[in-house]
Amino acid sequence: MIISKKNEVYVRVETEPNIARELSDFFTFEVPGARFMPTYKNRVWDGKIRLFSTHTRELYVGLLDKLVSFCQRHGYEYEFIDSKFFGTPYEENELISKKGFPIINFIRKMYLYFEKVFLFLIFF
């Protein structure tokens, strides 16, 4: 199994089709109350969310630890391939904030700015 980082959101897992189906089953869960939704009743959707796609072979980066433990539990060999632009799967980009504090501060400043402009337009 070859694991490479596609971007900051997904890792690409190159593996055999039968292991891909196992991964899809492992990273699948049923939505509570899905059987009451119209898409489920009309048989458009089966009520499950699949976090690993067998078509694109992509999985969310946040689930990488679970993928490694899955491979270790089942005895599958895996290796990490370095991506040209995004590095290795465990490498973190320092420019991306986990908590989003710089983004939140920017939004607050913009809100205050537009609030002042709006108040100015109302009174003048």
PDB file of N, CA and C in Angstrom:
ATOM      1  N   MET A   1       0.856  -1.161   0.000  1.00  0.00           N
ATOM      2  CA  MET A   1       0.000   0.000   0.000  1.00  0.00           C
ATOM      3  C   MET A   1       0.909   1.233   0.000  1.00  0.00           C
ATOM      4  N   ILE A   2       0.636   2.138  -0.914  1.00  0.00           N
ATOM      5  CA  ILE A   2       1.418   3.362  -1.027  1.00  0.00           C
ATOM      6  C   ILE A   2       0.523   4.534  -0.647  1.00  0.00           C
ATOM      7  N   ILE A   3       0.974   5.327   0.320  1.00  0.00           N
ATOM      8  CA  ILE A   3       0.202   6.459   0.825  1.00  0.00           C
ATOM      9  C   ILE A   3       0.957   7.736   0.487  1.00  0.00           C
ATOM     10  N   SER A   4       0.289   8.637  -0.231  1.00  0.00           N
ATOM     11  CA  SER A   4       0.899   9.926  -0.577  1.00  0.00           C
ATOM     12  C   SER A   4      -0.096  11.039  -0.293  1.00  0.00           C
ATOM     13  N   LYS A   5       0.425  12.213  -0.066  1.00  0.00           N
ATOM     14  CA  LYS A   5      -0.418  13.362   0.260  1.00  0.00           C
ATOM     15  C   LYS A   5      -0.852  14.041  -1.041  1.00  0.00           C
ATOM     16  N   LYS A   6      -2.163  14.097  -1.268  1.00  0.00           N
ATOM     17  CA  LYS A   6      -2.679  14.754  -2.470  1.00  0.00           C
ATOM     18  C   LYS A   6      -2.672  16.265  -2.284  1.00  0.00           C
ATOM     19  N   ASN A   7      -3.196  16.713  -1.156  1.00  0.00           N
ATOM     20  CA  ASN A   7      -3.187  18.124  -0.763  1.00  0.00           C
ATOM     21  C   ASN A   7      -3.317  18.179   0.752  1.00  0.00           C
ATOM     22  N   GLU A   8      -3.651  19.312   1.295  1.00  0.00           N
ATOM     23  CA  GLU A   8      -3.737  19.445   2.748  1.00  0.00           C
ATOM     24  C   GLU A   8      -4.994  18.796   3.322  1.00  0.00           C
ATOM     25  N   VAL A   9      -5.880  18.310   2.471  1.00  0.00           N
ATOM     26  CA  VAL A   9      -7.123  17.705   2.932  1.00  0.00           C
ATOM     27  C   VAL A   9      -7.115  16.190   2.763  1.00  0.00           C
ATOM     28  N   TYR A  10      -6.595  15.698   1.643  1.00  0.00           N
ATOM     29  CA  TYR A  10      -6.686  14.281   1.306  1.00  0.00           C
ATOM     30  C   TYR A  10      -5.317  13.618   1.194  1.00  0.00           C
ATOM     31  N   VAL A  11      -5.295  12.319   1.497  1.00  0.00           N
ATOM     32  CA  VAL A  11      -4.169  11.459   1.138  1.00  0.00           C
ATOM     33  C   VAL A  11      -4.682  10.472   0.096  1.00  0.00           C
ATOM     34  N   ARG A  12      -3.814  10.115  -0.813  1.00  0.00           N
ATOM     35  CA  ARG A  12      -4.158   9.131  -1.837  1.00  0.00           C
ATOM     36  C   ARG A  12      -3.561   7.800  -1.430  1.00  0.00           C
ATOM     37  N   VAL A  13      -4.379   6.746  -1.507  1.00  0.00           N
ATOM     38  CA  VAL A  13      -3.969   5.404  -1.102  1.00  0.00           C
ATOM     39  C   VAL A  13      -3.979   4.517  -2.341  1.00  0.00           C
ATOM     40  N   GLU A  14      -2.800   4.135  -2.806  1.00  0.00           N
ATOM     41  CA  GLU A  14      -2.686   3.230  -3.949  1.00  0.00           C
ATOM     42  C   GLU A  14      -2.586   1.811  -3.409  1.00  0.00           C
ATOM     43  N   THR A  15      -3.579   0.997  -3.701  1.00  0.00           N
ATOM     44  CA  THR A  15      -3.623  -0.355  -3.178  1.00  0.00           C
ATOM     45  C   THR A  15      -4.433  -1.249  -4.112  1.00  0.00           C
ATOM     46  N   GLU A  16      -4.485  -2.516  -3.803  1.00  0.00           N
ATOM     47  CA  GLU A  16      -5.237  -3.478  -4.593  1.00  0.00           C
ATOM     48  C   GLU A  16      -6.735  -3.255  -4.384  1.00  0.00           C
ATOM     49  N   PRO A  17      -7.569  -3.654  -5.365  1.00  0.00           N
ATOM     50  CA  PRO A  17      -9.016  -3.414  -5.252  1.00  0.00           C
ATOM     51  C   PRO A  17      -9.667  -4.061  -4.029  1.00  0.00           C
ATOM     52  N   ASN A  18      -9.239  -5.270  -3.654  1.00  0.00           N
ATOM     53  CA  ASN A  18      -9.883  -5.912  -2.501  1.00  0.00           C
ATOM     54  C   ASN A  18      -9.559  -5.187  -1.196  1.00  0.00           C
ATOM     55  N   ILE A  19      -8.339  -4.662  -1.067  1.00  0.00           N
ATOM     56  CA  ILE A  19      -7.987  -3.885   0.131  1.00  0.00           C
ATOM     57  C   ILE A  19      -8.722  -2.550   0.119  1.00  0.00           C
ATOM     58  N   ALA A  20      -8.919  -1.972  -1.064  1.00  0.00           N
ATOM     59  CA  ALA A  20      -9.678  -0.717  -1.168  1.00  0.00           C
ATOM     60  C   ALA A  20     -11.117  -0.919  -0.696  1.00  0.00           C
ATOM     61  N   ARG A  21     -11.711  -2.053  -1.019  1.00  0.00           N
ATOM     62  CA  ARG A  21     -13.073  -2.331  -0.544  1.00  0.00           C
ATOM     63  C   ARG A  21     -13.099  -2.515   0.973  1.00  0.00           C
ATOM     64  N   GLU A  22     -12.069  -3.159   1.516  1.00  0.00           N
ATOM     65  CA  GLU A  22     -11.976  -3.294   2.978  1.00  0.00           C
ATOM     66  C   GLU A  22     -11.861  -1.926   3.640  1.00  0.00           C
ATOM     67  N   LEU A  23     -11.041  -1.054   3.061  1.00  0.00           N
ATOM     68  CA  LEU A  23     -10.902   0.301   3.605  1.00  0.00           C
ATOM     69  C   LEU A  23     -12.223   1.059   3.524  1.00  0.00           C
ATOM     70  N   SER A  24     -12.927   0.887   2.421  1.00  0.00           N
ATOM     71  CA  SER A  24     -14.212   1.557   2.273  1.00  0.00           C
ATOM     72  C   SER A  24     -15.198   1.077   3.335  1.00  0.00           C
ATOM     73  N   ASP A  25     -15.220  -0.212   3.594  1.00  0.00           N
ATOM     74  CA  ASP A  25     -16.104  -0.746   4.635  1.00  0.00           C
ATOM     75  C   ASP A  25     -15.691  -0.262   6.023  1.00  0.00           C
ATOM     76  N   PHE A  26     -14.383  -0.190   6.267  1.00  0.00           N
ATOM     77  CA  PHE A  26     -13.892   0.241   7.578  1.00  0.00           C
ATOM     78  C   PHE A  26     -14.212   1.713   7.842  1.00  0.00           C
ATOM     79  N   PHE A  27     -14.101   2.551   6.809  1.00  0.00           N
ATOM     80  CA  PHE A  27     -14.345   3.989   6.964  1.00  0.00           C
ATOM     81  C   PHE A  27     -15.753   4.379   6.523  1.00  0.00           C
ATOM     82  N   THR A  28     -16.730   3.520   6.775  1.00  0.00           N
ATOM     83  CA  THR A  28     -18.127   3.780   6.437  1.00  0.00           C
ATOM     84  C   THR A  28     -18.961   3.748   7.709  1.00  0.00           C
ATOM     85  N   PHE A  29     -19.903   4.674   7.812  1.00  0.00           N
ATOM     86  CA  PHE A  29     -20.823   4.646   8.949  1.00  0.00           C
ATOM     87  C   PHE A  29     -22.210   5.051   8.481  1.00  0.00           C
ATOM     88  N   GLU A  30     -23.198   4.570   9.207  1.00  0.00           N
ATOM     89  CA  GLU A  30     -24.590   4.879   8.882  1.00  0.00           C
ATOM     90  C   GLU A  30     -25.004   6.168   9.572  1.00  0.00           C
ATOM     91  N   VAL A  31     -25.790   6.951   8.871  1.00  0.00           N
ATOM     92  CA  VAL A  31     -26.284   8.215   9.412  1.00  0.00           C
ATOM     93  C   VAL A  31     -27.501   7.924  10.288  1.00  0.00           C
ATOM     94  N   PRO A  32     -27.484   8.387  11.540  1.00  0.00           N
ATOM     95  CA  PRO A  32     -28.658   8.165  12.399  1.00  0.00           C
ATOM     96  C   PRO A  32     -29.897   8.853  11.813  1.00  0.00           C
ATOM     97  N   GLY A  33     -30.976   8.116  11.760  1.00  0.00           N
ATOM     98  CA  GLY A  33     -32.227   8.660  11.241  1.00  0.00           C
ATOM     99  C   GLY A  33     -32.286   8.761   9.731  1.00  0.00           C
ATOM    100  N   ALA A  34     -31.364   8.140   9.034  1.00  0.00           N
ATOM    101  CA  ALA A  34     -31.341   8.235   7.566  1.00  0.00           C
ATOM    102  C   ALA A  34     -32.556   7.576   6.930  1.00  0.00           C
ATOM    103  N   ARG A  35     -33.088   6.556   7.584  1.00  0.00           N
ATOM    104  CA  ARG A  35     -34.223   5.853   6.978  1.00  0.00           C
ATOM    105  C   ARG A  35     -35.488   6.711   6.910  1.00  0.00           C
ATOM    106  N   PHE A  36     -35.496   7.847   7.599  1.00  0.00           N
ATOM    107  CA  PHE A  36     -36.643   8.745   7.548  1.00  0.00           C
ATOM    108  C   PHE A  36     -36.468   9.848   6.503  1.00  0.00           C
ATOM    109  N   MET A  37     -35.312   9.925   5.881  1.00  0.00           N
ATOM    110  CA  MET A  37     -35.045  10.971   4.895  1.00  0.00           C
ATOM    111  C   MET A  37     -35.603  10.575   3.531  1.00  0.00           C
ATOM    112  N   PRO A  38     -36.085  11.565   2.766  1.00  0.00           N
ATOM    113  CA  PRO A  38     -36.673  11.258   1.462  1.00  0.00           C
ATOM    114  C   PRO A  38     -35.718  10.568   0.485  1.00  0.00           C
ATOM    115  N   THR A  39     -34.448  10.940   0.503  1.00  0.00           N
ATOM    116  CA  THR A  39     -33.512  10.301  -0.428  1.00  0.00           C
ATOM    117  C   THR A  39     -33.323   8.819  -0.102  1.00  0.00           C
ATOM    118  N   TYR A  40     -33.416   8.464   1.164  1.00  0.00           N
ATOM    119  CA  TYR A  40     -33.320   7.063   1.559  1.00  0.00           C
ATOM    120  C   TYR A  40     -34.604   6.323   1.179  1.00  0.00           C
ATOM    121  N   LYS A  41     -35.746   6.961   1.431  1.00  0.00           N
ATOM    122  CA  LYS A  41     -37.032   6.327   1.110  1.00  0.00           C
ATOM    123  C   LYS A  41     -37.215   6.120  -0.393  1.00  0.00           C
ATOM    124  N   ASN A  42     -36.679   7.035  -1.196  1.00  0.00           N
ATOM    125  CA  ASN A  42     -36.785   6.915  -2.658  1.00  0.00           C
ATOM    126  C   ASN A  42     -35.682   6.047  -3.255  1.00  0.00           C
ATOM    127  N   ARG A  43     -34.884   5.449  -2.406  1.00  0.00           N
ATOM    128  CA  ARG A  43     -33.787   4.548  -2.795  1.00  0.00           C
ATOM    129  C   ARG A  43     -32.738   5.219  -3.675  1.00  0.00           C
ATOM    130  N   VAL A  44     -32.507   6.488  -3.402  1.00  0.00           N
ATOM    131  CA  VAL A  44     -31.451   7.229  -4.078  1.00  0.00           C
ATOM    132  C   VAL A  44     -30.146   7.082  -3.302  1.00  0.00           C
ATOM    133  N   TRP A  45     -30.258   6.956  -1.972  1.00  0.00           N
ATOM    134  CA  TRP A  45     -29.113   6.908  -1.074  1.00  0.00           C
ATOM    135  C   TRP A  45     -29.299   5.759  -0.103  1.00  0.00           C
ATOM    136  N   ASP A  46     -28.230   5.102   0.267  1.00  0.00           N
ATOM    137  CA  ASP A  46     -28.328   3.956   1.170  1.00  0.00           C
ATOM    138  C   ASP A  46     -28.201   4.327   2.643  1.00  0.00           C
ATOM    139  N   GLY A  47     -28.042   5.614   2.953  1.00  0.00           N
ATOM    140  CA  GLY A  47     -27.993   6.068   4.332  1.00  0.00           C
ATOM    141  C   GLY A  47     -26.623   5.960   4.972  1.00  0.00           C
ATOM    142  N   LYS A  48     -25.588   5.739   4.166  1.00  0.00           N
ATOM    143  CA  LYS A  48     -24.240   5.591   4.700  1.00  0.00           C
ATOM    144  C   LYS A  48     -23.334   6.688   4.165  1.00  0.00           C
ATOM    145  N   ILE A  49     -22.377   7.076   4.987  1.00  0.00           N
ATOM    146  CA  ILE A  49     -21.347   8.032   4.569  1.00  0.00           C
ATOM    147  C   ILE A  49     -20.032   7.275   4.499  1.00  0.00           C
ATOM    148  N   ARG A  50     -19.379   7.366   3.347  1.00  0.00           N
ATOM    149  CA  ARG A  50     -18.110   6.691   3.126  1.00  0.00           C
ATOM    150  C   ARG A  50     -16.988   7.722   3.104  1.00  0.00           C
ATOM    151  N   LEU A  51     -16.061   7.584   4.025  1.00  0.00           N
ATOM    152  CA  LEU A  51     -14.962   8.533   4.125  1.00  0.00           C
ATOM    153  C   LEU A  51     -13.795   8.176   3.209  1.00  0.00           C
ATOM    154  N   PHE A  52     -13.753   6.936   2.725  1.00  0.00           N
ATOM    155  CA  PHE A  52     -12.742   6.505   1.759  1.00  0.00           C
ATOM    156  C   PHE A  52     -13.455   6.185   0.454  1.00  0.00           C
ATOM    157  N   SER A  53     -12.995   6.787  -0.620  1.00  0.00           N
ATOM    158  CA  SER A  53     -13.606   6.564  -1.925  1.00  0.00           C
ATOM    159  C   SER A  53     -12.827   5.496  -2.687  1.00  0.00           C
ATOM    160  N   THR A  54     -13.512   4.456  -3.128  1.00  0.00           N
ATOM    161  CA  THR A  54     -12.843   3.416  -3.902  1.00  0.00           C
ATOM    162  C   THR A  54     -12.553   3.883  -5.327  1.00  0.00           C
ATOM    163  N   HIS A  55     -13.243   4.911  -5.778  1.00  0.00           N
ATOM    164  CA  HIS A  55     -13.020   5.421  -7.141  1.00  0.00           C
ATOM    165  C   HIS A  55     -11.794   6.320  -7.212  1.00  0.00           C
ATOM    166  N   THR A  56     -11.704   7.257  -6.285  1.00  0.00           N
ATOM    167  CA  THR A  56     -10.572   8.193  -6.303  1.00  0.00           C
ATOM    168  C   THR A  56      -9.432   7.730  -5.403  1.00  0.00           C
ATOM    169  N   ARG A  57      -9.709   6.747  -4.531  1.00  0.00           N
ATOM    170  CA  ARG A  57      -8.727   6.228  -3.572  1.00  0.00           C
ATOM    171  C   ARG A  57      -8.218   7.320  -2.637  1.00  0.00           C
ATOM    172  N   GLU A  58      -9.123   8.192  -2.198  1.00  0.00           N
ATOM    173  CA  GLU A  58      -8.755   9.304  -1.325  1.00  0.00           C
ATOM    174  C   GLU A  58      -9.376   9.135   0.053  1.00  0.00           C
ATOM    175  N   LEU A  59      -8.620   9.591   1.061  1.00  0.00           N
ATOM    176  CA  LEU A  59      -9.058   9.556   2.447  1.00  0.00           C
ATOM    177  C   LEU A  59      -8.634  10.863   3.099  1.00  0.00           C
ATOM    178  N   TYR A  60      -9.403  11.337   4.052  1.00  0.00           N
ATOM    179  CA  TYR A  60      -9.068  12.574   4.739  1.00  0.00           C
ATOM    180  C   TYR A  60      -7.768  12.423   5.529  1.00  0.00           C
ATOM    181  N   VAL A  61      -6.931  13.452   5.531  1.00  0.00           N
ATOM    182  CA  VAL A  61      -5.639  13.422   6.212  1.00  0.00           C
ATOM    183  C   VAL A  61      -5.812  13.180   7.707  1.00  0.00           C
ATOM    184  N   GLY A  62      -6.860  13.692   8.282  1.00  0.00           N
ATOM    185  CA  GLY A  62      -7.100  13.518   9.712  1.00  0.00           C
ATOM    186  C   GLY A  62      -7.308  12.072  10.125  1.00  0.00           C
ATOM    187  N   LEU A  63      -7.607  11.198   9.174  1.00  0.00           N
ATOM    188  CA  LEU A  63      -7.825   9.791   9.468  1.00  0.00           C
ATOM    189  C   LEU A  63      -6.591   8.940   9.193  1.00  0.00           C
ATOM    190  N   LEU A  64      -5.454   9.582   8.999  1.00  0.00           N
ATOM    191  CA  LEU A  64      -4.225   8.867   8.661  1.00  0.00           C
ATOM    192  C   LEU A  64      -3.796   7.919   9.781  1.00  0.00           C
ATOM    193  N   ASP A  65      -3.948   8.324  11.030  1.00  0.00           N
ATOM    194  CA  ASP A  65      -3.595   7.445  12.148  1.00  0.00           C
ATOM    195  C   ASP A  65      -4.457   6.185  12.156  1.00  0.00           C
ATOM    196  N   LYS A  66      -5.733   6.346  11.863  1.00  0.00           N
ATOM    197  CA  LYS A  66      -6.632   5.189  11.806  1.00  0.00           C
ATOM    198  C   LYS A  66      -6.272   4.275  10.641  1.00  0.00           C
ATOM    199  N   LEU A  67      -5.828   4.855   9.517  1.00  0.00           N
ATOM    200  CA  LEU A  67      -5.395   4.061   8.370  1.00  0.00           C
ATOM    201  C   LEU A  67      -4.158   3.231   8.713  1.00  0.00           C
ATOM    202  N   VAL A  68      -3.204   3.845   9.400  1.00  0.00           N
ATOM    203  CA  VAL A  68      -1.986   3.131   9.796  1.00  0.00           C
ATOM    204  C   VAL A  68      -2.318   2.015  10.775  1.00  0.00           C
ATOM    205  N   SER A  69      -3.202   2.271  11.736  1.00  0.00           N
ATOM    206  CA  SER A  69      -3.574   1.216  12.690  1.00  0.00           C
ATOM    207  C   SER A  69      -4.352   0.101  11.988  1.00  0.00           C
ATOM    208  N   PHE A  70      -5.153   0.446  10.978  1.00  0.00           N
ATOM    209  CA  PHE A  70      -5.859  -0.570  10.179  1.00  0.00           C
ATOM    210  C   PHE A  70      -4.854  -1.474   9.472  1.00  0.00           C
ATOM    211  N   CYS A  71      -3.836  -0.874   8.869  1.00  0.00           N
ATOM    212  CA  CYS A  71      -2.815  -1.645   8.151  1.00  0.00           C
ATOM    213  C   CYS A  71      -2.039  -2.551   9.114  1.00  0.00           C
ATOM    214  N   GLN A  72      -1.694  -2.038  10.279  1.00  0.00           N
ATOM    215  CA  GLN A  72      -0.953  -2.834  11.257  1.00  0.00           C
ATOM    216  C   GLN A  72      -1.800  -3.982  11.788  1.00  0.00           C
ATOM    217  N   ARG A  73      -3.070  -3.728  12.024  1.00  0.00           N
ATOM    218  CA  ARG A  73      -3.964  -4.756  12.554  1.00  0.00           C
ATOM    219  C   ARG A  73      -4.171  -5.900  11.564  1.00  0.00           C
ATOM    220  N   HIS A  74      -4.237  -5.562  10.264  1.00  0.00           N
ATOM    221  CA  HIS A  74      -4.475  -6.573   9.236  1.00  0.00           C
ATOM    222  C   HIS A  74      -3.188  -7.103   8.612  1.00  0.00           C
ATOM    223  N   GLY A  75      -2.055  -6.585   9.024  1.00  0.00           N
ATOM    224  CA  GLY A  75      -0.784  -7.079   8.516  1.00  0.00           C
ATOM    225  C   GLY A  75      -0.435  -6.604   7.117  1.00  0.00           C
ATOM    226  N   TYR A  76      -0.995  -5.464   6.694  1.00  0.00           N
ATOM    227  CA  TYR A  76      -0.682  -4.924   5.377  1.00  0.00           C
ATOM    228  C   TYR A  76       0.566  -4.044   5.472  1.00  0.00           C
ATOM    229  N   GLU A  77       1.429  -4.177   4.486  1.00  0.00           N
ATOM    230  CA  GLU A  77       2.611  -3.331   4.423  1.00  0.00           C
ATOM    231  C   GLU A  77       2.233  -2.001   3.779  1.00  0.00           C
ATOM    232  N   TYR A  78       2.802  -0.928   4.288  1.00  0.00           N
ATOM    233  CA  TYR A  78       2.510   0.391   3.741  1.00  0.00           C
ATOM    234  C   TYR A  78       3.776   1.216   3.728  1.00  0.00           C
ATOM    235  N   GLU A  79       3.804   2.187   2.821  1.00  0.00           N
ATOM    236  CA  GLU A  79       4.928   3.124   2.773  1.00  0.00           C
ATOM    237  C   GLU A  79       4.417   4.493   2.378  1.00  0.00           C
ATOM    238  N   PHE A  80       5.100   5.504   2.874  1.00  0.00           N
ATOM    239  CA  PHE A  80       4.737   6.883   2.585  1.00  0.00           C
ATOM    240  C   PHE A  80       5.624   7.407   1.463  1.00  0.00           C
ATOM    241  N   ILE A  81       4.984   8.026   0.497  1.00  0.00           N
ATOM    242  CA  ILE A  81       5.689   8.628  -0.634  1.00  0.00           C
ATOM    243  C   ILE A  81       5.639  10.139  -0.474  1.00  0.00           C
ATOM    244  N   ASP A  82       6.765  10.782  -0.698  1.00  0.00           N
ATOM    245  CA  ASP A  82       6.862  12.236  -0.596  1.00  0.00           C
ATOM    246  C   ASP A  82       6.220  12.882  -1.818  1.00  0.00           C
ATOM    247  N   SER A  83       5.285  13.810  -1.595  1.00  0.00           N
ATOM    248  CA  SER A  83       4.663  14.556  -2.669  1.00  0.00           C
ATOM    249  C   SER A  83       5.533  15.758  -3.030  1.00  0.00           C
ATOM    250  N   LYS A  84       5.542  16.118  -4.301  1.00  0.00           N
ATOM    251  CA  LYS A  84       6.403  17.211  -4.756  1.00  0.00           C
ATOM    252  C   LYS A  84       6.029  18.537  -4.095  1.00  0.00           C
ATOM    253  N   PHE A  85       4.730  18.800  -3.977  1.00  0.00           N
ATOM    254  CA  PHE A  85       4.278  20.089  -3.460  1.00  0.00           C
ATOM    255  C   PHE A  85       3.835  20.049  -2.000  1.00  0.00           C
ATOM    256  N   PHE A  86       3.370  18.898  -1.515  1.00  0.00           N
ATOM    257  CA  PHE A  86       2.753  18.847  -0.191  1.00  0.00           C
ATOM    258  C   PHE A  86       3.543  18.042   0.831  1.00  0.00           C
ATOM    259  N   GLY A  87       4.659  17.455   0.461  1.00  0.00           N
ATOM    260  CA  GLY A  87       5.497  16.734   1.408  1.00  0.00           C
ATOM    261  C   GLY A  87       4.943  15.367   1.762  1.00  0.00           C
ATOM    262  N   THR A  88       5.376  14.861   2.908  1.00  0.00           N
ATOM    263  CA  THR A  88       4.911  13.554   3.361  1.00  0.00           C
ATOM    264  C   THR A  88       3.570  13.700   4.065  1.00  0.00           C
ATOM    265  N   PRO A  89       2.804  12.605   4.184  1.00  0.00           N
ATOM    266  CA  PRO A  89       1.478  12.700   4.814  1.00  0.00           C
ATOM    267  C   PRO A  89       1.485  13.231   6.238  1.00  0.00           C
ATOM    268  N   TYR A  90       2.529  12.938   7.028  1.00  0.00           N
ATOM    269  CA  TYR A  90       2.548  13.411   8.409  1.00  0.00           C
ATOM    270  C   TYR A  90       3.120  14.817   8.557  1.00  0.00           C
ATOM    271  N   GLU A  91       3.643  15.379   7.473  1.00  0.00           N
ATOM    272  CA  GLU A  91       4.217  16.716   7.534  1.00  0.00           C
ATOM    273  C   GLU A  91       3.098  17.754   7.605  1.00  0.00           C
ATOM    274  N   GLU A  92       3.254  18.739   8.495  1.00  0.00           N
ATOM    275  CA  GLU A  92       2.247  19.781   8.662  1.00  0.00           C
ATOM    276  C   GLU A  92       2.728  21.075   8.029  1.00  0.00           C
ATOM    277  N   ASN A  93       1.809  21.792   7.433  1.00  0.00           N
ATOM    278  CA  ASN A  93       2.113  23.075   6.826  1.00  0.00           C
ATOM    279  C   ASN A  93       1.969  24.156   7.886  1.00  0.00           C
ATOM    280  N   GLU A  94       3.023  24.919   8.122  1.00  0.00           N
ATOM    281  CA  GLU A  94       3.000  25.946   9.161  1.00  0.00           C
ATOM    282  C   GLU A  94       2.126  27.138   8.794  1.00  0.00           C
ATOM    283  N   LEU A  95       1.819  27.297   7.509  1.00  0.00           N
ATOM    284  CA  LEU A  95       1.005  28.434   7.083  1.00  0.00           C
ATOM    285  C   LEU A  95      -0.482  28.216   7.338  1.00  0.00           C
ATOM    286  N   ILE A  96      -0.865  26.985   7.637  1.00  0.00           N
ATOM    287  CA  ILE A  96      -2.269  26.678   7.890  1.00  0.00           C
ATOM    288  C   ILE A  96      -2.472  26.597   9.391  1.00  0.00           C
ATOM    289  N   SER A  97      -3.426  27.367   9.891  1.00  0.00           N
ATOM    290  CA  SER A  97      -3.694  27.425  11.316  1.00  0.00           C
ATOM    291  C   SER A  97      -4.697  26.346  11.705  1.00  0.00           C
ATOM    292  N   LYS A  98      -4.394  25.581  12.746  1.00  0.00           N
ATOM    293  CA  LYS A  98      -5.319  24.549  13.204  1.00  0.00           C
ATOM    294  C   LYS A  98      -6.555  25.154  13.867  1.00  0.00           C
ATOM    295  N   LYS A  99      -6.351  26.188  14.647  1.00  0.00           N
ATOM    296  CA  LYS A  99      -7.464  26.766  15.388  1.00  0.00           C
ATOM    297  C   LYS A  99      -8.129  27.906  14.642  1.00  0.00           C
ATOM    298  N   GLY A 100      -7.505  28.411  13.613  1.00  0.00           N
ATOM    299  CA  GLY A 100      -8.110  29.450  12.803  1.00  0.00           C
ATOM    300  C   GLY A 100      -8.116  30.819  13.439  1.00  0.00           C
ATOM    301  N   PHE A 101      -7.258  31.073  14.435  1.00  0.00           N
ATOM    302  CA  PHE A 101      -7.265  32.362  15.107  1.00  0.00           C
ATOM    303  C   PHE A 101      -6.971  33.528  14.160  1.00  0.00           C
ATOM    304  N   PRO A 102      -5.976  33.441  13.276  1.00  0.00           N
ATOM    305  CA  PRO A 102      -5.755  34.578  12.371  1.00  0.00           C
ATOM    306  C   PRO A 102      -6.967  34.853  11.477  1.00  0.00           C
ATOM    307  N   ILE A 103      -7.635  33.811  11.070  1.00  0.00           N
ATOM    308  CA  ILE A 103      -8.801  33.982  10.207  1.00  0.00           C
ATOM    309  C   ILE A 103      -9.948  34.622  10.976  1.00  0.00           C
ATOM    310  N   ILE A 104     -10.171  34.166  12.197  1.00  0.00           N
ATOM    311  CA  ILE A 104     -11.252  34.717  13.017  1.00  0.00           C
ATOM    312  C   ILE A 104     -11.003  36.198  13.300  1.00  0.00           C
ATOM    313  N   ASN A 105      -9.765  36.542  13.626  1.00  0.00           N
ATOM    314  CA  ASN A 105      -9.443  37.955  13.878  1.00  0.00           C
ATOM    315  C   ASN A 105      -9.663  38.797  12.628  1.00  0.00           C
ATOM    316  N   PHE A 106      -9.298  38.270  11.468  1.00  0.00           N
ATOM    317  CA  PHE A 106      -9.509  38.995  10.216  1.00  0.00           C
ATOM    318  C   PHE A 106     -11.001  39.220   9.966  1.00  0.00           C
ATOM    319  N   ILE A 107     -11.800  38.193  10.187  1.00  0.00           N
ATOM    320  CA  ILE A 107     -13.250  38.322   9.966  1.00  0.00           C
ATOM    321  C   ILE A 107     -13.851  39.336  10.936  1.00  0.00           C
ATOM    322  N   ARG A 108     -13.421  39.318  12.186  1.00  0.00           N
ATOM    323  CA  ARG A 108     -13.931  40.283  13.162  1.00  0.00           C
ATOM    324  C   ARG A 108     -13.585  41.712  12.765  1.00  0.00           C
ATOM    325  N   LYS A 109     -12.349  41.912  12.290  1.00  0.00           N
ATOM    326  CA  LYS A 109     -11.953  43.249  11.866  1.00  0.00           C
ATOM    327  C   LYS A 109     -12.770  43.712  10.673  1.00  0.00           C
ATOM    328  N   MET A 110     -13.009  42.801   9.722  1.00  0.00           N
ATOM    329  CA  MET A 110     -13.806  43.159   8.550  1.00  0.00           C
ATOM    330  C   MET A 110     -15.243  43.480   8.950  1.00  0.00           C
ATOM    331  N   TYR A 111     -15.791  42.712   9.902  1.00  0.00           N
ATOM    332  CA  TYR A 111     -17.145  42.955  10.362  1.00  0.00           C
ATOM    333  C   TYR A 111     -17.248  44.332  11.002  1.00  0.00           C
ATOM    334  N   LEU A 112     -16.281  44.677  11.854  1.00  0.00           N
ATOM    335  CA  LEU A 112     -16.300  45.987  12.495  1.00  0.00           C
ATOM    336  C   LEU A 112     -16.172  47.104  11.464  1.00  0.00           C
ATOM    337  N   TYR A 113     -15.332  46.896  10.449  1.00  0.00           N
ATOM    338  CA  TYR A 113     -15.157  47.895   9.400  1.00  0.00           C
ATOM    339  C   TYR A 113     -16.465  48.105   8.639  1.00  0.00           C
ATOM    340  N   PHE A 114     -17.114  47.030   8.221  1.00  0.00           N
ATOM    341  CA  PHE A 114     -18.358  47.163   7.470  1.00  0.00           C
ATOM    342  C   PHE A 114     -19.494  47.688   8.336  1.00  0.00           C
ATOM    343  N   GLU A 115     -19.456  47.385   9.629  1.00  0.00           N
ATOM    344  CA  GLU A 115     -20.460  47.924  10.539  1.00  0.00           C
ATOM    345  C   GLU A 115     -20.335  49.443  10.622  1.00  0.00           C
ATOM    346  N   LYS A 116     -19.098  49.951  10.698  1.00  0.00           N
ATOM    347  CA  LYS A 116     -18.880  51.392  10.740  1.00  0.00           C
ATOM    348  C   LYS A 116     -19.313  52.049   9.436  1.00  0.00           C
ATOM    349  N   VAL A 117     -19.008  51.434   8.308  1.00  0.00           N
ATOM    350  CA  VAL A 117     -19.407  51.982   7.006  1.00  0.00           C
ATOM    351  C   VAL A 117     -20.915  51.996   6.893  1.00  0.00           C
ATOM    352  N   PHE A 118     -21.573  50.933   7.333  1.00  0.00           N
ATOM    353  CA  PHE A 118     -23.022  50.849   7.257  1.00  0.00           C
ATOM    354  C   PHE A 118     -23.664  51.930   8.128  1.00  0.00           C
ATOM    355  N   LEU A 119     -23.162  52.111   9.350  1.00  0.00           N
ATOM    356  CA  LEU A 119     -23.702  53.139  10.225  1.00  0.00           C
ATOM    357  C   LEU A 119     -23.470  54.530   9.629  1.00  0.00           C
ATOM    358  N   PHE A 120     -22.354  54.740   9.006  1.00  0.00           N
ATOM    359  CA  PHE A 120     -22.061  56.014   8.373  1.00  0.00           C
ATOM    360  C   PHE A 120     -23.060  56.293   7.246  1.00  0.00           C
ATOM    361  N   LEU A 121     -23.352  55.269   6.458  1.00  0.00           N
ATOM    362  CA  LEU A 121     -24.298  55.445   5.331  1.00  0.00           C
ATOM    363  C   LEU A 121     -25.715  55.697   5.813  1.00  0.00           C
ATOM    364  N   ILE A 122     -26.094  55.116   6.933  1.00  0.00           N
ATOM    365  CA  ILE A 122     -27.447  55.297   7.455  1.00  0.00           C
ATOM    366  C   ILE A 122     -27.654  56.720   7.963  1.00  0.00           C
ATOM    367  N   PHE A 123     -26.679  57.233   8.684  1.00  0.00           N
ATOM    368  CA  PHE A 123     -26.855  58.538   9.327  1.00  0.00           C
ATOM    369  C   PHE A 123     -26.498  59.714   8.416  1.00  0.00           C
ATOM    370  N   PHE A 124     -25.833  59.458   7.313  1.00  0.00           N
ATOM    371  CA  PHE A 124     -25.461  60.605   6.448  1.00  0.00           C
ATOM    372  C   PHE A 124     -26.038  60.457   5.103  1.00  0.00           C
TER     373      PHE A 124
END
